[in-house]
N, C-alpha and C. Protein backbone atom coordinates (compact mmCIF):
# COMPACT_ATOMS: atom_id res chain seq x y z
N MET A 1 -55.34 73.14 41.28
CA MET A 1 -56.49 73.07 40.42
C MET A 1 -56.22 72.06 39.30
N LYS A 2 -57.20 71.27 38.98
CA LYS A 2 -57.10 70.26 37.93
C LYS A 2 -57.08 70.93 36.55
N THR A 3 -56.19 70.49 35.68
CA THR A 3 -56.11 71.02 34.32
C THR A 3 -57.18 70.35 33.46
N ILE A 4 -57.99 71.18 32.79
CA ILE A 4 -59.02 70.66 31.89
C ILE A 4 -58.98 71.41 30.56
N ILE A 5 -59.44 70.76 29.51
CA ILE A 5 -59.54 71.39 28.20
C ILE A 5 -60.75 72.32 28.21
N THR A 6 -60.53 73.58 27.83
CA THR A 6 -61.62 74.55 27.85
C THR A 6 -62.03 75.05 26.47
N ASN A 7 -61.17 74.86 25.48
CA ASN A 7 -61.50 75.35 24.14
C ASN A 7 -60.76 74.54 23.08
N ILE A 8 -61.42 74.36 21.95
CA ILE A 8 -60.82 73.67 20.80
C ILE A 8 -61.04 74.55 19.58
N LYS A 9 -59.95 74.85 18.88
CA LYS A 9 -60.02 75.64 17.64
C LYS A 9 -59.54 74.75 16.50
N VAL A 10 -60.19 74.88 15.35
CA VAL A 10 -59.85 74.06 14.18
C VAL A 10 -59.67 74.98 12.97
N TYR A 11 -58.57 74.78 12.25
CA TYR A 11 -58.28 75.58 11.06
C TYR A 11 -57.87 74.66 9.92
N ILE A 12 -58.28 75.00 8.71
CA ILE A 12 -57.79 74.32 7.52
C ILE A 12 -56.71 75.20 6.91
N LEU A 13 -55.54 74.64 6.72
CA LEU A 13 -54.42 75.37 6.12
C LEU A 13 -54.26 74.90 4.68
N LYS A 14 -54.29 75.84 3.76
CA LYS A 14 -54.17 75.51 2.33
C LYS A 14 -53.14 76.42 1.70
N GLY A 15 -52.41 75.87 0.78
CA GLY A 15 -51.51 76.67 -0.04
C GLY A 15 -52.19 76.96 -1.37
N PRO A 16 -51.51 77.69 -2.23
CA PRO A 16 -52.08 77.92 -3.55
C PRO A 16 -52.21 76.61 -4.31
N LYS A 17 -53.17 76.56 -5.19
CA LYS A 17 -53.39 75.35 -5.99
C LYS A 17 -52.14 75.05 -6.82
N GLU A 18 -51.73 73.79 -6.79
CA GLU A 18 -50.54 73.37 -7.53
C GLU A 18 -50.80 73.41 -9.03
N LYS A 19 -49.79 73.82 -9.78
CA LYS A 19 -49.92 73.83 -11.24
C LYS A 19 -49.88 72.41 -11.78
N ARG A 20 -49.13 71.56 -11.10
CA ARG A 20 -49.08 70.15 -11.50
C ARG A 20 -48.94 69.30 -10.24
N PRO A 21 -49.44 68.09 -10.26
CA PRO A 21 -49.36 67.22 -9.07
C PRO A 21 -47.91 66.84 -8.77
N HIS A 22 -47.66 66.43 -7.55
CA HIS A 22 -46.33 65.96 -7.17
C HIS A 22 -46.44 64.59 -6.50
N TRP A 23 -45.33 63.91 -6.43
CA TRP A 23 -45.30 62.56 -5.86
C TRP A 23 -44.98 62.62 -4.37
N VAL A 24 -45.67 61.80 -3.61
CA VAL A 24 -45.36 61.59 -2.20
C VAL A 24 -45.34 60.09 -1.99
N SER A 25 -44.25 59.57 -1.49
CA SER A 25 -44.10 58.14 -1.26
C SER A 25 -44.40 57.36 -2.53
N ASN A 26 -45.58 56.77 -2.63
CA ASN A 26 -45.87 55.94 -3.80
C ASN A 26 -47.15 56.33 -4.53
N PHE A 27 -47.57 57.58 -4.40
CA PHE A 27 -48.76 58.02 -5.13
C PHE A 27 -48.66 59.50 -5.48
N ILE A 28 -49.50 59.92 -6.39
CA ILE A 28 -49.51 61.32 -6.84
C ILE A 28 -50.46 62.13 -5.95
N VAL A 29 -50.01 63.31 -5.56
CA VAL A 29 -50.82 64.21 -4.74
C VAL A 29 -51.20 65.43 -5.58
N PRO A 30 -52.48 65.56 -5.94
CA PRO A 30 -52.88 66.72 -6.74
C PRO A 30 -52.95 68.00 -5.91
N ASN A 31 -53.28 67.86 -4.63
CA ASN A 31 -53.44 69.01 -3.75
C ASN A 31 -53.40 68.51 -2.31
N ALA A 32 -52.77 69.25 -1.43
CA ALA A 32 -52.68 68.81 -0.03
C ALA A 32 -53.23 69.90 0.89
N ASN A 33 -53.86 69.47 1.98
CA ASN A 33 -54.38 70.36 3.01
C ASN A 33 -53.84 69.91 4.35
N GLU A 34 -53.75 70.83 5.28
CA GLU A 34 -53.38 70.51 6.65
C GLU A 34 -54.53 70.93 7.56
N LEU A 35 -54.81 70.11 8.55
CA LEU A 35 -55.80 70.44 9.57
C LEU A 35 -55.03 70.78 10.83
N LEU A 36 -55.22 71.98 11.35
CA LEU A 36 -54.56 72.43 12.58
C LEU A 36 -55.60 72.45 13.68
N VAL A 37 -55.37 71.71 14.75
CA VAL A 37 -56.27 71.67 15.91
C VAL A 37 -55.50 72.22 17.11
N ILE A 38 -56.06 73.23 17.76
CA ILE A 38 -55.43 73.84 18.94
C ILE A 38 -56.32 73.58 20.15
N LEU A 39 -55.73 73.04 21.20
CA LEU A 39 -56.43 72.82 22.47
C LEU A 39 -55.96 73.85 23.48
N GLU A 40 -56.88 74.41 24.24
CA GLU A 40 -56.55 75.36 25.30
C GLU A 40 -57.05 74.81 26.63
N THR A 41 -56.31 75.09 27.70
CA THR A 41 -56.72 74.61 29.02
C THR A 41 -57.05 75.78 29.94
N ASN A 42 -57.65 75.45 31.06
CA ASN A 42 -58.01 76.46 32.05
C ASN A 42 -56.80 77.08 32.72
N GLN A 43 -55.63 76.50 32.55
CA GLN A 43 -54.41 77.04 33.17
C GLN A 43 -53.53 77.78 32.16
N GLY A 44 -54.08 78.04 30.98
CA GLY A 44 -53.34 78.81 29.98
C GLY A 44 -52.39 78.00 29.12
N VAL A 45 -52.38 76.69 29.29
CA VAL A 45 -51.52 75.84 28.47
C VAL A 45 -52.24 75.55 27.15
N GLU A 46 -51.49 75.64 26.05
CA GLU A 46 -52.05 75.33 24.74
C GLU A 46 -51.23 74.23 24.08
N GLY A 47 -51.89 73.44 23.27
CA GLY A 47 -51.21 72.41 22.49
C GLY A 47 -51.86 72.34 21.12
N PHE A 48 -51.13 71.76 20.17
CA PHE A 48 -51.69 71.67 18.82
C PHE A 48 -51.35 70.35 18.18
N GLY A 49 -52.11 70.01 17.15
CA GLY A 49 -51.85 68.82 16.36
C GLY A 49 -52.13 69.14 14.90
N LEU A 50 -51.40 68.47 14.03
CA LEU A 50 -51.57 68.65 12.58
C LEU A 50 -51.92 67.33 11.93
N ALA A 51 -52.79 67.39 10.95
CA ALA A 51 -53.13 66.20 10.15
C ALA A 51 -53.13 66.61 8.69
N THR A 52 -52.64 65.73 7.85
CA THR A 52 -52.59 65.99 6.41
C THR A 52 -53.67 65.21 5.70
N SER A 53 -54.29 65.84 4.72
CA SER A 53 -55.28 65.16 3.91
C SER A 53 -55.10 65.59 2.46
N TYR A 54 -55.37 64.68 1.58
CA TYR A 54 -55.28 64.99 0.16
C TYR A 54 -56.67 65.16 -0.44
N THR A 55 -57.66 65.24 0.41
CA THR A 55 -59.04 65.46 -0.02
C THR A 55 -59.61 66.64 0.77
N ASP A 56 -60.85 66.95 0.55
CA ASP A 56 -61.52 68.07 1.22
C ASP A 56 -61.58 67.85 2.73
N MET A 57 -61.18 68.86 3.50
CA MET A 57 -61.19 68.78 4.97
C MET A 57 -62.50 69.27 5.58
N SER A 58 -63.36 69.88 4.79
CA SER A 58 -64.60 70.46 5.33
C SER A 58 -65.45 69.48 6.13
N PRO A 59 -65.63 68.22 5.69
CA PRO A 59 -66.44 67.29 6.49
C PRO A 59 -65.84 67.03 7.88
N ILE A 60 -64.54 66.99 7.97
CA ILE A 60 -63.89 66.76 9.27
C ILE A 60 -64.13 67.95 10.18
N VAL A 61 -63.94 69.15 9.65
CA VAL A 61 -64.15 70.37 10.44
C VAL A 61 -65.61 70.45 10.88
N HIS A 62 -66.53 70.11 10.00
CA HIS A 62 -67.96 70.15 10.34
C HIS A 62 -68.27 69.24 11.53
N VAL A 63 -67.73 68.04 11.54
CA VAL A 63 -67.96 67.10 12.65
C VAL A 63 -67.42 67.68 13.95
N ILE A 64 -66.23 68.25 13.89
CA ILE A 64 -65.62 68.82 15.11
C ILE A 64 -66.44 70.00 15.61
N GLU A 65 -66.82 70.90 14.70
CA GLU A 65 -67.54 72.11 15.11
C GLU A 65 -69.00 71.85 15.46
N SER A 66 -69.58 70.75 15.00
CA SER A 66 -71.00 70.52 15.25
C SER A 66 -71.27 69.66 16.47
N GLY A 67 -70.29 69.45 17.32
CA GLY A 67 -70.61 68.79 18.56
C GLY A 67 -69.61 67.81 19.13
N ILE A 68 -68.80 67.18 18.31
CA ILE A 68 -67.88 66.18 18.87
C ILE A 68 -66.85 66.83 19.79
N SER A 69 -66.53 68.11 19.54
CA SER A 69 -65.56 68.78 20.40
C SER A 69 -66.07 68.91 21.83
N GLU A 70 -67.39 68.96 22.01
CA GLU A 70 -67.95 69.06 23.36
C GLU A 70 -67.62 67.84 24.21
N LYS A 71 -67.36 66.71 23.56
CA LYS A 71 -66.98 65.49 24.29
C LYS A 71 -65.61 65.65 24.94
N PHE A 72 -64.78 66.53 24.36
CA PHE A 72 -63.42 66.71 24.87
C PHE A 72 -63.31 67.86 25.85
N LEU A 73 -64.26 68.80 25.80
CA LEU A 73 -64.21 69.92 26.74
C LEU A 73 -64.40 69.39 28.15
N VAL A 74 -63.69 69.93 29.06
CA VAL A 74 -63.66 69.54 30.47
C VAL A 74 -62.97 68.19 30.67
N ALA A 75 -62.31 67.68 29.65
CA ALA A 75 -61.53 66.44 29.79
C ALA A 75 -60.13 66.80 30.27
N THR A 76 -59.47 65.85 30.89
CA THR A 76 -58.09 66.05 31.33
C THR A 76 -57.17 65.74 30.16
N PRO A 77 -56.31 66.71 29.78
CA PRO A 77 -55.42 66.47 28.63
C PRO A 77 -54.36 65.43 28.93
């Protein structure tokens, strides 16, 4: 049987708000978020990816949940 993507889950991971900003590489980060994306297949295989953002992740999650994920369903991973 051909392996296909059957489900996509998206989560925003946040820690407590920082009391003060911290430095990363060459700029100040006031707050950081992680986007966790989990892919599931018809054969029970799961995979995940993480992305970091220093701004609001809600617009990204909205795009994924409002239809773009359907483009990936039934695709071969």
